[in-house]
Amino acid sequence: MHAINFECHAQQATPSAIVLEERPRWAPELERQFAGQDVRIVACRSLRDVEERAAGATVGVILLDLTAQPAECLRFLERRAAQPSALPVIVVGSDETVDLEWPSRELGAIAFFACRVPGDEMANLCRRQWTVRP
């Protein structure tokens, strides 16, 4: 019986940060922030890649750069809204996409940033997501 309990605790999932962005910013920054920690940073260039990577992930967060594909990102959020076990999504926008904050939040985004966010703050937000979720 003790071996079974031990195995369950030993097989906890490695947290993932799945990042969609056109130009590398958050993936390298999160790699730097989580250096030496058991965290997977996955850089994606398409929402299809994000969906494939997120499909098997149980612990983690998705970070979407809304400036790359705003309409597609909103459709992605809409699809995920019906999935209660889906990874939480953080949206990073810009001055041009600030009007999409509330639609993003209504579709399930846990956070929306239109201004520049320090890397350590983003890493802390990611970390909180995988420590509070079962």
C-alpha atoms as a PDB file:
ATOM      1  CA  MET A   1       0.000   0.000   0.000  1.00  0.00           C
ATOM      2  CA  HIS A   2       2.789   2.430   0.807  1.00  0.00           C
ATOM      3  CA  ALA A   3       4.449   1.776  -2.550  1.00  0.00           C
ATOM      4  CA  ILE A   4       1.266   2.756  -4.396  1.00  0.00           C
ATOM      5  CA  ASN A   5       0.982   6.019  -2.478  1.00  0.00           C
ATOM      6  CA  PHE A   6       4.645   6.756  -3.102  1.00  0.00           C
ATOM      7  CA  GLU A   7       4.270   6.130  -6.828  1.00  0.00           C
ATOM      8  CA  CYS A   8       1.280   8.483  -7.023  1.00  0.00           C
ATOM      9  CA  HIS A   9       3.248  11.284  -5.409  1.00  0.00           C
ATOM     10  CA  ALA A  10       6.373  10.567  -7.443  1.00  0.00           C
ATOM     11  CA  GLN A  11       4.466  10.861 -10.736  1.00  0.00           C
ATOM     12  CA  GLN A  12       3.283  14.416 -10.325  1.00  0.00           C
ATOM     13  CA  ALA A  13       3.194  16.191 -13.666  1.00  0.00           C
ATOM     14  CA  THR A  14       5.893  18.632 -14.621  1.00  0.00           C
ATOM     15  CA  PRO A  15       4.354  22.105 -14.952  1.00  0.00           C
ATOM     16  CA  SER A  16       4.292  23.529 -18.474  1.00  0.00           C
ATOM     17  CA  ALA A  17       4.079  27.065 -19.779  1.00  0.00           C
ATOM     18  CA  ILE A  18       2.808  26.871 -23.349  1.00  0.00           C
ATOM     19  CA  VAL A  19       3.509  30.167 -25.094  1.00  0.00           C
ATOM     20  CA  LEU A  20       2.064  31.470 -28.365  1.00  0.00           C
ATOM     21  CA  GLU A  21       3.943  34.441 -29.781  1.00  0.00           C
ATOM     22  CA  GLU A  22       5.140  35.624 -33.184  1.00  0.00           C
ATOM     23  CA  ARG A  23       8.458  36.966 -31.936  1.00  0.00           C
ATOM     24  CA  PRO A  24      10.321  35.331 -29.061  1.00  0.00           C
ATOM     25  CA  ARG A  25       9.786  37.290 -25.869  1.00  0.00           C
ATOM     26  CA  TRP A  26       7.949  35.286 -23.234  1.00  0.00           C
ATOM     27  CA  ALA A  27       9.292  31.819 -23.969  1.00  0.00           C
ATOM     28  CA  PRO A  28      12.939  32.881 -23.502  1.00  0.00           C
ATOM     29  CA  GLU A  29      12.018  35.076 -20.528  1.00  0.00           C
ATOM     30  CA  LEU A  30      10.171  32.255 -18.784  1.00  0.00           C
ATOM     31  CA  GLU A  31      13.060  29.889 -19.532  1.00  0.00           C
ATOM     32  CA  ARG A  32      15.310  32.376 -17.760  1.00  0.00           C
ATOM     33  CA  GLN A  33      12.895  32.812 -14.851  1.00  0.00           C
ATOM     34  CA  PHE A  34      12.499  29.058 -14.341  1.00  0.00           C
ATOM     35  CA  ALA A  35      16.140  28.100 -14.977  1.00  0.00           C
ATOM     36  CA  GLY A  36      17.130  25.162 -12.801  1.00  0.00           C
ATOM     37  CA  GLN A  37      13.498  24.320 -11.962  1.00  0.00           C
ATOM     38  CA  ASP A  38      11.423  21.411 -13.219  1.00  0.00           C
ATOM     39  CA  VAL A  39       9.265  23.484 -15.576  1.00  0.00           C
ATOM     40  CA  ARG A  40       8.765  22.938 -19.302  1.00  0.00           C
ATOM     41  CA  ILE A  41       8.555  26.033 -21.492  1.00  0.00           C
ATOM     42  CA  VAL A  42       6.991  25.288 -24.877  1.00  0.00           C
ATOM     43  CA  ALA A  43       7.243  27.943 -27.586  1.00  0.00           C
ATOM     44  CA  CYS A  44       4.515  27.747 -30.240  1.00  0.00           C
ATOM     45  CA  ARG A  45       3.987  29.704 -33.424  1.00  0.00           C
ATOM     46  CA  SER A  46       0.407  28.584 -34.108  1.00  0.00           C
ATOM     47  CA  LEU A  47      -2.737  27.923 -32.097  1.00  0.00           C
ATOM     48  CA  ARG A  48      -2.789  24.428 -33.544  1.00  0.00           C
ATOM     49  CA  ASP A  49       0.567  23.790 -31.857  1.00  0.00           C
ATOM     50  CA  VAL A  50      -0.818  25.235 -28.612  1.00  0.00           C
ATOM     51  CA  GLU A  51      -3.846  22.937 -28.772  1.00  0.00           C
ATOM     52  CA  GLU A  52      -1.673  19.880 -29.439  1.00  0.00           C
ATOM     53  CA  ARG A  53       0.723  20.692 -26.590  1.00  0.00           C
ATOM     54  CA  ALA A  54      -2.060  21.542 -24.154  1.00  0.00           C
ATOM     55  CA  ALA A  55      -4.046  18.389 -24.944  1.00  0.00           C
ATOM     56  CA  GLY A  56      -1.908  16.186 -22.708  1.00  0.00           C
ATOM     57  CA  ALA A  57      -0.906  18.743 -20.118  1.00  0.00           C
ATOM     58  CA  THR A  58      -2.489  18.509 -16.681  1.00  0.00           C
ATOM     59  CA  VAL A  59      -0.455  21.136 -14.831  1.00  0.00           C
ATOM     60  CA  GLY A  60       0.504  24.406 -16.415  1.00  0.00           C
ATOM     61  CA  VAL A  61      -0.617  27.558 -18.087  1.00  0.00           C
ATOM     62  CA  ILE A  62      -1.085  28.888 -21.618  1.00  0.00           C
ATOM     63  CA  LEU A  63       0.228  32.338 -22.448  1.00  0.00           C
ATOM     64  CA  LEU A  64      -1.239  33.900 -25.597  1.00  0.00           C
ATOM     65  CA  ASP A  65       0.237  36.935 -27.314  1.00  0.00           C
ATOM     66  CA  LEU A  66      -2.999  38.429 -28.597  1.00  0.00           C
ATOM     67  CA  THR A  67      -1.226  40.837 -30.947  1.00  0.00           C
ATOM     68  CA  ALA A  68      -0.254  37.971 -33.237  1.00  0.00           C
ATOM     69  CA  GLN A  69      -3.724  36.627 -34.048  1.00  0.00           C
ATOM     70  CA  PRO A  70      -6.456  38.421 -32.069  1.00  0.00           C
ATOM     71  CA  ALA A  71      -9.522  36.872 -33.699  1.00  0.00           C
ATOM     72  CA  GLU A  72      -8.045  33.375 -33.659  1.00  0.00           C
ATOM     73  CA  CYS A  73      -7.018  33.762 -30.015  1.00  0.00           C
ATOM     74  CA  LEU A  74     -10.566  34.743 -29.052  1.00  0.00           C
ATOM     75  CA  ARG A  75     -11.944  31.708 -30.908  1.00  0.00           C
ATOM     76  CA  PHE A  76      -9.391  29.543 -29.090  1.00  0.00           C
ATOM     77  CA  LEU A  77     -10.572  30.936 -25.740  1.00  0.00           C
ATOM     78  CA  GLU A  78     -14.185  30.321 -26.733  1.00  0.00           C
ATOM     79  CA  ARG A  79     -13.470  26.650 -27.547  1.00  0.00           C
ATOM     80  CA  ARG A  80     -11.692  26.185 -24.212  1.00  0.00           C
ATOM     81  CA  ALA A  81     -14.424  27.900 -22.167  1.00  0.00           C
ATOM     82  CA  ALA A  82     -16.498  24.716 -22.311  1.00  0.00           C
ATOM     83  CA  GLN A  83     -13.627  22.594 -20.945  1.00  0.00           C
ATOM     84  CA  PRO A  84     -13.511  22.910 -17.143  1.00  0.00           C
ATOM     85  CA  SER A  85     -10.239  20.972 -16.896  1.00  0.00           C
ATOM     86  CA  ALA A  86      -8.477  23.116 -19.518  1.00  0.00           C
ATOM     87  CA  LEU A  87      -5.253  24.841 -18.550  1.00  0.00           C
ATOM     88  CA  PRO A  88      -5.663  28.457 -17.434  1.00  0.00           C
ATOM     89  CA  VAL A  89      -4.894  31.085 -20.067  1.00  0.00           C
ATOM     90  CA  ILE A  90      -3.020  34.366 -19.629  1.00  0.00           C
ATOM     91  CA  VAL A  91      -3.417  36.903 -22.425  1.00  0.00           C
ATOM     92  CA  VAL A  92      -0.831  39.528 -23.320  1.00  0.00           C
ATOM     93  CA  GLY A  93      -2.067  42.313 -25.539  1.00  0.00           C
ATOM     94  CA  SER A  94      -0.996  45.794 -26.527  1.00  0.00           C
ATOM     95  CA  ASP A  95      -2.407  49.291 -26.834  1.00  0.00           C
ATOM     96  CA  GLU A  96      -4.017  48.160 -30.102  1.00  0.00           C
ATOM     97  CA  THR A  97      -5.774  45.162 -28.485  1.00  0.00           C
ATOM     98  CA  VAL A  98      -6.680  46.654 -25.092  1.00  0.00           C
ATOM     99  CA  ASP A  99     -10.360  46.716 -26.132  1.00  0.00           C
ATOM    100  CA  LEU A 100     -10.266  42.912 -26.183  1.00  0.00           C
ATOM    101  CA  GLU A 101      -9.539  42.613 -22.463  1.00  0.00           C
ATOM    102  CA  TRP A 102     -13.133  42.025 -21.360  1.00  0.00           C
ATOM    103  CA  PRO A 103     -14.037  39.658 -24.195  1.00  0.00           C
ATOM    104  CA  SER A 104     -10.870  37.703 -23.312  1.00  0.00           C
ATOM    105  CA  ARG A 105     -11.804  37.593 -19.636  1.00  0.00           C
ATOM    106  CA  GLU A 106     -15.412  36.648 -20.400  1.00  0.00           C
ATOM    107  CA  LEU A 107     -14.089  33.742 -22.449  1.00  0.00           C
ATOM    108  CA  GLY A 108     -12.014  32.515 -19.532  1.00  0.00           C
ATOM    109  CA  ALA A 109      -8.664  34.301 -19.555  1.00  0.00           C
ATOM    110  CA  ILE A 110      -7.436  34.518 -15.960  1.00  0.00           C
ATOM    111  CA  ALA A 111      -5.342  37.616 -16.670  1.00  0.00           C
ATOM    112  CA  PHE A 112      -4.922  40.215 -19.401  1.00  0.00           C
ATOM    113  CA  PHE A 113      -1.934  42.527 -19.751  1.00  0.00           C
ATOM    114  CA  ALA A 114      -1.829  45.391 -22.250  1.00  0.00           C
ATOM    115  CA  CYS A 115       1.297  46.910 -20.738  1.00  0.00           C
ATOM    116  CA  ARG A 116       4.779  45.524 -20.342  1.00  0.00           C
ATOM    117  CA  VAL A 117       4.978  43.019 -17.472  1.00  0.00           C
ATOM    118  CA  PRO A 118       8.233  42.210 -15.660  1.00  0.00           C
ATOM    119  CA  GLY A 119       9.378  38.632 -16.213  1.00  0.00           C
ATOM    120  CA  ASP A 120       9.400  37.770 -12.517  1.00  0.00           C
ATOM    121  CA  GLU A 121       5.750  38.869 -12.163  1.00  0.00           C
ATOM    122  CA  MET A 122       4.710  36.721 -15.127  1.00  0.00           C
ATOM    123  CA  ALA A 123       6.635  33.762 -13.712  1.00  0.00           C
ATOM    124  CA  ASN A 124       4.943  34.227 -10.324  1.00  0.00           C
ATOM    125  CA  LEU A 125       1.513  34.328 -11.972  1.00  0.00           C
ATOM    126  CA  CYS A 126       2.308  31.117 -13.864  1.00  0.00           C
ATOM    127  CA  ARG A 127       3.597  29.438 -10.707  1.00  0.00           C
ATOM    128  CA  ARG A 128       0.437  30.364  -8.779  1.00  0.00           C
ATOM    129  CA  GLN A 129      -1.698  28.651 -11.436  1.00  0.00           C
ATOM    130  CA  TRP A 130      -0.066  25.284 -11.082  1.00  0.00           C
ATOM    131  CA  THR A 131       0.120  25.416  -7.300  1.00  0.00           C
ATOM    132  CA  VAL A 132      -3.559  26.272  -6.727  1.00  0.00           C
ATOM    133  CA  ARG A 133      -5.054  23.884  -9.295  1.00  0.00           C
ATOM    134  CA  PRO A 134      -5.611  20.233  -8.312  1.00  0.00           C
END
